[in-house]
Amino acid sequence: MTTTQYQKSLQRELAQLNRKIDMMIVKGQSYVTESKKHKMLLRQLRAMEGRGLFGRLASMSF
């Protein structure tokens, strides 16, 4: 699997997880485990994109 394919896979998984979390919020259910998985996936995706802390700060517009 190429890095591009892996990034797309992570993005798809994040989108599915976001929909699941949204539904859990609407139903009033706890989504602690899903939020931890979401955070981990975001961390992986940002690491692949080369967007560390400094990259995020540099891209912010004031």
C-alpha atoms as a PDB file:
ATOM      1  CA  MET A   1       0.000   0.000   0.000  1.00  0.00           C
ATOM      2  CA  THR A   2       1.440   3.352  -0.960  1.00  0.00           C
ATOM      3  CA  THR A   3       1.474   6.289   1.407  1.00  0.00           C
ATOM      4  CA  THR A   4      -1.213   8.029  -0.648  1.00  0.00           C
ATOM      5  CA  GLN A   5      -3.467   4.995  -0.412  1.00  0.00           C
ATOM      6  CA  TYR A   6      -2.794   4.762   3.315  1.00  0.00           C
ATOM      7  CA  GLN A   7      -3.678   8.444   3.797  1.00  0.00           C
ATOM      8  CA  LYS A   8      -6.936   7.971   1.886  1.00  0.00           C
ATOM      9  CA  SER A   9      -7.683   4.907   4.019  1.00  0.00           C
ATOM     10  CA  LEU A  10      -7.099   6.914   7.207  1.00  0.00           C
ATOM     11  CA  GLN A  11      -9.313   9.727   5.913  1.00  0.00           C
ATOM     12  CA  ARG A  12     -12.107   7.266   5.089  1.00  0.00           C
ATOM     13  CA  GLU A  13     -11.851   5.664   8.514  1.00  0.00           C
ATOM     14  CA  LEU A  14     -11.956   9.105  10.171  1.00  0.00           C
ATOM     15  CA  ALA A  15     -15.065  10.038   8.200  1.00  0.00           C
ATOM     16  CA  GLN A  16     -16.816   6.821   9.239  1.00  0.00           C
ATOM     17  CA  LEU A  17     -15.786   7.334  12.841  1.00  0.00           C
ATOM     18  CA  ASN A  18     -17.053  10.943  12.759  1.00  0.00           C
ATOM     19  CA  ARG A  19     -20.462   9.740  11.546  1.00  0.00           C
ATOM     20  CA  LYS A  20     -20.538   7.109  14.308  1.00  0.00           C
ATOM     21  CA  ILE A  21     -19.613   9.666  16.971  1.00  0.00           C
ATOM     22  CA  ASP A  22     -22.252  12.088  15.650  1.00  0.00           C
ATOM     23  CA  MET A  23     -24.922   9.404  15.921  1.00  0.00           C
ATOM     24  CA  MET A  24     -23.816   8.519  19.437  1.00  0.00           C
ATOM     25  CA  ILE A  25     -24.038  12.195  20.445  1.00  0.00           C
ATOM     26  CA  VAL A  26     -27.545  12.456  19.011  1.00  0.00           C
ATOM     27  CA  LYS A  27     -28.584   9.332  20.927  1.00  0.00           C
ATOM     28  CA  GLY A  28     -26.993  10.611  24.131  1.00  0.00           C
ATOM     29  CA  GLN A  29     -24.518   7.731  24.385  1.00  0.00           C
ATOM     30  CA  SER A  30     -20.956   7.845  25.659  1.00  0.00           C
ATOM     31  CA  TYR A  31     -18.287   7.918  22.954  1.00  0.00           C
ATOM     32  CA  VAL A  32     -15.075   7.834  24.989  1.00  0.00           C
ATOM     33  CA  THR A  33     -13.480   4.883  23.173  1.00  0.00           C
ATOM     34  CA  GLU A  34     -14.370   6.304  19.773  1.00  0.00           C
ATOM     35  CA  SER A  35     -12.874   9.683  20.656  1.00  0.00           C
ATOM     36  CA  LYS A  36      -9.590   8.016  21.650  1.00  0.00           C
ATOM     37  CA  LYS A  37      -9.481   6.149  18.336  1.00  0.00           C
ATOM     38  CA  HIS A  38     -10.285   9.408  16.494  1.00  0.00           C
ATOM     39  CA  LYS A  39      -7.419  11.186  18.245  1.00  0.00           C
ATOM     40  CA  MET A  40      -5.004   8.365  17.357  1.00  0.00           C
ATOM     41  CA  LEU A  41      -6.067   8.356  13.695  1.00  0.00           C
ATOM     42  CA  LEU A  42      -5.697  12.135  13.471  1.00  0.00           C
ATOM     43  CA  ARG A  43      -2.231  11.887  14.978  1.00  0.00           C
ATOM     44  CA  GLN A  44      -1.237   9.266  12.381  1.00  0.00           C
ATOM     45  CA  LEU A  45      -2.635  11.311   9.518  1.00  0.00           C
ATOM     46  CA  ARG A  46      -0.920  14.513  10.623  1.00  0.00           C
ATOM     47  CA  ALA A  47       2.383  12.665  11.056  1.00  0.00           C
ATOM     48  CA  MET A  48       2.135  11.375   7.483  1.00  0.00           C
ATOM     49  CA  GLU A  49       1.326  14.846   6.180  1.00  0.00           C
ATOM     50  CA  GLY A  50       4.278  16.297   8.053  1.00  0.00           C
ATOM     51  CA  ARG A  51       2.071  18.602  10.069  1.00  0.00           C
ATOM     52  CA  GLY A  52       3.601  18.685  13.511  1.00  0.00           C
ATOM     53  CA  LEU A  53       3.087  21.398  16.076  1.00  0.00           C
ATOM     54  CA  PHE A  54       5.247  23.909  14.256  1.00  0.00           C
ATOM     55  CA  GLY A  55       3.535  23.197  10.930  1.00  0.00           C
ATOM     56  CA  ARG A  56       0.132  23.848  12.463  1.00  0.00           C
ATOM     57  CA  LEU A  57       1.319  27.058  14.104  1.00  0.00           C
ATOM     58  CA  ALA A  58       2.935  28.294  10.896  1.00  0.00           C
ATOM     59  CA  SER A  59      -0.237  27.666   8.881  1.00  0.00           C
ATOM     60  CA  MET A  60      -2.477  29.634  11.269  1.00  0.00           C
ATOM     61  CA  SER A  61      -3.583  33.027  10.039  1.00  0.00           C
ATOM     62  CA  PHE A  62      -3.823  35.843  12.537  1.00  0.00           C
END
